[in-house]
Amino acid sequence: MGLLDDKVVLVNGGSQGVGAAIARAAAREGAVVAVTGRRPEPGEALVAEVTAAGAKAMFVRADLADAGQAKVAVAQVVDAYGRVDCLVNSAGLTSRGTLLDTTPELFDQHIAINLKAPFFAMQAAVADMVAREAPGTIVNIITSSAHGGQPFLAPYVAAKAGLIGLTRNAAHAHRWDRVRINGLNIGWTATEGEDATQKTFHGAGDDWREEAAAKLPMGKLGQPDEIADFVVFLLSDRSGVVTGSVIDWDQNVLGGLD
C-alpha cells in the first residue's frame, strides 16, 4: 500500500525541480499524477517516465502567470480523472529585485506566479472538493526567505509572505470541509531553476553547488527528493489532522545567532 494509493494529485510547476520530484514521489506512492508547466518537452518527458514506471499521469500545459489558466488546469484534471484529491503549488519565480530597483512589472510578475496562481488553483481545487463533499489536501511550497530574506529578493519575499497568510486563512476557512492545507518553507535547494538563477544573476560557475555545500551546516543544499518525501507525507492521511501549519524545512535555524 502506498501513501497516496488511488489519489489524484495535481502538481503545479511539476515538470522540473522540486515539483517534478514531488510528482515522481506521489506516483511511487500510488497516486495518479497530473503536472502543469509552460513548456511541453519537460512535462511530457516526465509523464513518459512516470507512465513507464507503471503509474497514470498527464501533462497540462499552462502558463500560471495567467490566473485563468491556473483554474482551467484544475478543470482539465477533473475532466480527465473525475476529481482532484491533492494539490501542490510548486511553481515559483525567483528573479531578483530590491526595494529600490524593482519595477512595477517585476513586482506584478512575482505576485502573479507566487501568489495569484496558488490562490486561484486552490479556489478551483477546493471548490471541487466541497462540491463532492470529499476531504482533500493541499501543500504550498513557500520559502524560508518569506521570514525576511535577502535584500535582492524583495518582490519574491512580498509574494511568498502573502502565500503564508493565504495558506493559514484557507486552512481555517475549510477545516470543517476536511480540506487540510499546509505550507513548506524550503531553504536553498539544488534544482535546475536554481542553477540558472545562480548563473544568470550571480555569475556562478559550474561548481557553485560544491562551493555552496561546503559553507552549509549539513554539507549539502536541500535535495528535491527529500523535500518530495515530506510533501507526500503531508498530502497523505499519515499526517493526520494537521492543517494550517507552515513548516520551516531548512538547515538554518531561525532566530539563532553566532
Protein backbone atom coordinates (compact mmCIF):
# COMPACT_ATOMS: atom_id res chain seq x y z
CA MET A 1 0.00 0.00 0.00
CA GLY A 2 1.31 3.41 -0.97
CA LEU A 3 0.70 6.58 1.00
CA LEU A 4 -1.34 8.05 -1.87
CA ASP A 5 -2.97 4.99 -3.39
CA ASP A 6 -5.63 5.99 -5.94
CA LYS A 7 -5.39 9.68 -5.07
CA VAL A 8 -5.42 12.20 -7.92
CA VAL A 9 -2.56 14.64 -7.33
CA LEU A 10 -2.07 17.84 -9.30
CA VAL A 11 1.38 19.42 -9.08
CA ASN A 12 1.58 22.94 -10.42
CA GLY A 13 5.07 23.64 -11.72
CA GLY A 14 5.61 19.90 -11.77
CA SER A 15 7.70 19.47 -14.89
CA GLN A 16 11.06 20.17 -13.26
CA GLY A 17 12.83 20.84 -9.97
CA VAL A 18 11.04 20.29 -6.69
CA GLY A 19 7.70 19.91 -8.46
CA ALA A 20 8.97 17.07 -10.64
CA ALA A 21 10.45 15.34 -7.60
CA ILE A 22 7.07 15.61 -5.87
CA ALA A 23 5.30 14.18 -8.91
CA ARG A 24 7.69 11.21 -9.00
CA ALA A 25 7.29 10.57 -5.27
CA ALA A 26 3.50 10.81 -5.45
CA ALA A 27 3.40 8.35 -8.37
CA ARG A 28 5.69 5.98 -6.48
CA GLU A 29 3.23 6.10 -3.58
CA GLY A 30 0.33 5.06 -5.78
CA ALA A 31 -1.12 8.37 -6.97
CA VAL A 32 -2.48 9.33 -10.34
CA VAL A 33 -0.39 12.39 -11.17
CA ALA A 34 -1.00 15.49 -13.25
CA VAL A 35 1.67 18.15 -13.72
CA THR A 36 1.48 21.63 -15.18
CA GLY A 37 4.18 23.61 -16.93
CA ARG A 38 4.71 26.16 -19.68
CA ARG A 39 6.99 24.00 -21.83
CA PRO A 40 5.64 20.70 -23.15
CA GLU A 41 9.02 18.96 -23.61
CA PRO A 42 9.99 18.50 -19.94
CA GLY A 43 6.38 17.94 -18.91
CA GLU A 44 5.77 15.23 -21.45
CA ALA A 45 9.15 13.64 -20.67
CA LEU A 46 8.21 13.42 -17.01
CA VAL A 47 4.84 11.90 -17.83
CA ALA A 48 6.55 9.31 -20.04
CA GLU A 49 8.96 8.47 -17.22
CA VAL A 50 6.19 8.10 -14.64
CA THR A 51 3.99 6.11 -17.01
CA ALA A 52 6.84 3.76 -17.86
CA ALA A 53 7.14 3.03 -14.14
CA GLY A 54 3.51 1.90 -14.08
CA ALA A 55 1.65 4.98 -12.86
CA LYS A 56 -1.04 7.06 -14.54
CA ALA A 57 -0.01 10.59 -15.41
CA MET A 58 -0.88 13.56 -17.59
CA PHE A 59 0.71 16.86 -18.55
CA VAL A 60 -1.34 20.05 -18.67
CA ARG A 61 0.27 22.93 -20.49
CA ALA A 62 -0.43 26.12 -18.54
CA ASP A 63 1.18 29.50 -18.01
CA LEU A 64 0.42 30.12 -14.36
CA ALA A 65 1.10 33.83 -14.76
CA ASP A 66 -2.49 33.78 -16.07
CA ALA A 67 -4.83 33.03 -13.16
CA GLY A 68 -7.42 31.78 -15.61
CA GLN A 69 -5.06 29.07 -16.82
CA ALA A 70 -4.41 28.03 -13.23
CA LYS A 71 -8.14 27.43 -12.80
CA VAL A 72 -8.51 25.72 -16.17
CA ALA A 73 -5.68 23.32 -15.31
CA VAL A 74 -7.68 22.08 -12.32
CA ALA A 75 -10.76 21.70 -14.52
CA GLN A 76 -8.80 19.67 -17.07
CA VAL A 77 -7.64 17.23 -14.39
CA VAL A 78 -11.20 16.91 -13.07
CA ASP A 79 -12.40 16.23 -16.62
CA ALA A 80 -9.73 13.56 -17.09
CA TYR A 81 -9.90 11.78 -13.73
CA GLY A 82 -13.15 12.91 -12.13
CA ARG A 83 -11.63 14.82 -9.23
CA VAL A 84 -8.59 16.40 -7.61
CA ASP A 85 -7.77 14.91 -4.21
CA CYS A 86 -4.47 16.67 -3.63
CA LEU A 87 -2.94 19.90 -4.92
CA VAL A 88 0.66 21.04 -4.72
CA ASN A 89 1.57 24.60 -5.67
CA SER A 90 5.24 24.31 -6.52
CA ALA A 91 5.66 26.81 -9.36
CA GLY A 92 7.81 29.77 -8.41
CA LEU A 93 9.53 32.84 -9.81
CA THR A 94 12.82 33.86 -8.18
CA SER A 95 14.07 36.66 -10.43
CA ARG A 96 15.95 39.29 -8.44
CA GLY A 97 14.86 42.75 -7.35
CA THR A 98 15.50 45.05 -4.38
CA LEU A 99 13.16 47.56 -2.80
CA LEU A 100 14.90 50.30 -4.79
CA ASP A 101 15.21 48.74 -8.24
CA THR A 102 12.08 46.55 -8.55
CA THR A 103 9.80 47.78 -11.30
CA PRO A 104 6.01 47.53 -11.11
CA GLU A 105 6.22 44.98 -13.93
CA LEU A 106 8.62 42.72 -11.99
CA PHE A 107 6.53 43.06 -8.85
CA ASP A 108 3.40 42.05 -10.77
CA GLN A 109 5.20 39.02 -12.22
CA HIS A 110 6.06 37.80 -8.73
CA ILE A 111 2.55 38.33 -7.45
CA ALA A 112 1.11 36.52 -10.48
CA ILE A 113 3.25 33.38 -10.17
CA ASN A 114 3.99 33.20 -6.45
CA LEU A 115 0.64 34.29 -5.00
CA LYS A 116 -2.17 34.76 -7.51
CA ALA A 117 -1.71 31.41 -9.25
CA PRO A 118 -1.77 29.43 -5.98
CA PHE A 119 -4.83 31.40 -4.85
CA PHE A 120 -6.91 30.56 -7.91
CA ALA A 121 -5.62 27.00 -8.22
CA MET A 122 -6.68 26.46 -4.60
CA GLN A 123 -10.01 28.12 -5.32
CA ALA A 124 -10.73 25.68 -8.13
CA ALA A 125 -9.45 22.59 -6.30
CA VAL A 126 -11.27 23.34 -3.05
CA ALA A 127 -14.47 24.07 -4.99
CA ASP A 128 -14.20 20.58 -6.48
CA MET A 129 -13.61 19.02 -3.07
CA VAL A 130 -16.50 20.89 -1.45
CA ALA A 131 -18.87 20.07 -4.32
CA ARG A 132 -18.11 16.38 -3.88
CA GLU A 133 -18.26 16.69 -0.07
CA ALA A 134 -14.91 14.92 -0.05
CA PRO A 135 -11.78 15.57 2.00
CA GLY A 136 -8.63 16.80 0.32
CA THR A 137 -5.13 18.06 0.98
CA ILE A 138 -3.06 20.94 -0.34
CA VAL A 139 0.61 21.77 0.14
CA ASN A 140 2.05 25.12 -0.86
CA ILE A 141 5.78 25.26 -1.49
CA ILE A 142 6.87 28.55 0.02
CA THR A 143 10.36 29.66 1.16
CA SER A 144 12.31 30.31 4.31
CA SER A 145 13.06 33.72 2.78
CA ALA A 146 9.45 34.68 3.48
CA HIS A 147 10.61 35.44 7.04
CA GLY A 148 12.73 38.30 5.68
CA GLY A 149 15.14 37.12 3.04
CA GLN A 150 17.98 38.84 1.24
CA PRO A 151 17.67 42.44 0.02
CA PHE A 152 17.69 41.26 -3.61
CA LEU A 153 14.55 39.16 -3.08
CA ALA A 154 12.13 41.97 -2.20
CA PRO A 155 9.24 41.17 -4.60
CA TYR A 156 9.73 37.42 -4.11
CA VAL A 157 9.53 37.79 -0.33
CA ALA A 158 6.47 40.02 -0.57
CA ALA A 159 4.59 37.46 -2.66
CA LYS A 160 5.66 34.39 -0.71
CA ALA A 161 4.88 36.03 2.64
CA GLY A 162 1.41 36.59 1.25
CA LEU A 163 1.22 32.87 0.43
CA ILE A 164 1.92 32.06 4.07
CA GLY A 165 -1.06 34.15 5.11
CA LEU A 166 -3.23 32.62 2.40
CA THR A 167 -2.27 29.10 3.47
CA ARG A 168 -3.40 29.71 7.03
CA ASN A 169 -6.52 31.62 6.04
CA ALA A 170 -7.70 28.93 3.62
CA ALA A 171 -6.91 26.15 6.09
CA HIS A 172 -9.02 27.85 8.73
CA ALA A 173 -11.85 28.57 6.30
CA HIS A 174 -12.12 24.97 5.09
CA ARG A 175 -11.26 22.92 8.16
CA TRP A 176 -14.90 21.82 8.56
CA ASP A 177 -14.84 20.67 4.93
CA ARG A 178 -11.96 18.36 5.95
CA VAL A 179 -9.67 20.07 3.47
CA ARG A 180 -6.22 20.23 5.04
CA ILE A 181 -3.90 22.97 3.75
CA ASN A 182 -0.27 23.29 4.81
CA GLY A 183 2.87 25.04 3.61
CA LEU A 184 6.55 24.22 3.46
CA ASN A 185 9.18 26.93 3.80
CA ILE A 186 12.08 25.36 1.95
CA GLY A 187 15.61 26.71 2.04
CA TRP A 188 18.34 26.79 -0.59
CA THR A 189 17.69 23.81 -2.87
CA ALA A 190 19.64 22.14 -5.69
CA THR A 191 17.33 22.45 -8.69
CA GLU A 192 17.67 23.23 -12.39
CA GLY A 193 16.00 26.56 -11.77
CA GLU A 194 18.42 27.47 -9.01
CA ASP A 195 21.33 26.59 -11.28
CA ALA A 196 20.01 29.02 -13.89
CA THR A 197 19.41 31.68 -11.24
CA GLN A 198 22.92 31.42 -9.82
CA LYS A 199 24.50 31.65 -13.26
CA THR A 200 22.23 34.40 -14.54
CA PHE A 201 22.13 36.73 -11.54
CA HIS A 202 25.28 35.88 -9.58
CA GLY A 203 27.84 34.91 -12.21
CA ALA A 204 28.27 31.46 -10.68
CA GLY A 205 30.39 28.78 -12.32
CA ASP A 206 29.54 25.14 -12.86
CA ASP A 207 30.93 24.25 -9.43
CA TRP A 208 28.68 26.61 -7.46
CA ARG A 209 26.83 23.71 -5.82
CA GLU A 210 30.03 22.29 -4.35
CA GLU A 211 31.17 25.72 -3.16
CA ALA A 212 27.79 26.40 -1.57
CA ALA A 213 27.61 22.99 0.09
CA ALA A 214 30.97 23.50 1.75
CA LYS A 215 29.56 26.55 3.57
CA LEU A 216 26.35 24.91 4.77
CA PRO A 217 25.89 23.12 8.13
CA MET A 218 24.82 19.79 6.63
CA GLY A 219 27.40 19.93 3.84
CA LYS A 220 24.79 19.97 1.07
CA LEU A 221 21.96 22.02 -0.34
CA GLY A 222 18.37 20.94 0.13
CA GLN A 223 17.58 17.95 -2.06
CA PRO A 224 14.38 17.85 -4.13
CA ASP A 225 13.75 14.15 -3.47
CA GLU A 226 13.95 14.68 0.29
CA ILE A 227 11.53 17.60 0.10
CA ALA A 228 9.25 15.48 -2.07
CA ASP A 229 9.04 12.70 0.51
CA PHE A 230 7.95 15.21 3.14
CA VAL A 231 5.35 16.74 0.85
CA VAL A 232 3.90 13.31 0.11
CA PHE A 233 3.63 12.71 3.84
CA LEU A 234 1.73 16.00 4.26
CA LEU A 235 -0.59 15.09 1.40
CA SER A 236 -1.30 11.67 2.86
CA ASP A 237 -3.56 10.53 5.69
CA ARG A 238 -0.43 9.71 7.70
CA SER A 239 -0.06 13.40 8.53
CA GLY A 240 -3.27 13.08 10.50
CA VAL A 241 -5.25 16.18 11.38
CA VAL A 242 -2.54 18.78 10.77
CA THR A 243 -3.73 21.83 8.87
CA GLY A 244 -2.73 25.48 8.72
CA SER A 245 0.89 24.63 9.51
CA VAL A 246 3.72 26.38 7.69
CA ILE A 247 6.78 24.28 8.38
CA ASP A 248 10.36 25.54 8.12
CA TRP A 249 12.33 22.93 6.17
CA ASP A 250 15.86 24.26 6.26
CA GLN A 251 19.26 23.88 7.93
CA ASN A 252 19.48 27.47 9.10
CA VAL A 253 17.80 27.97 12.47
CA LEU A 254 15.52 30.99 12.56
CA GLY A 255 16.46 33.26 15.43
CA GLY A 256 19.79 31.51 16.01
CA LEU A 257 22.78 33.85 16.21
CA ASP A 258 26.53 33.16 16.31
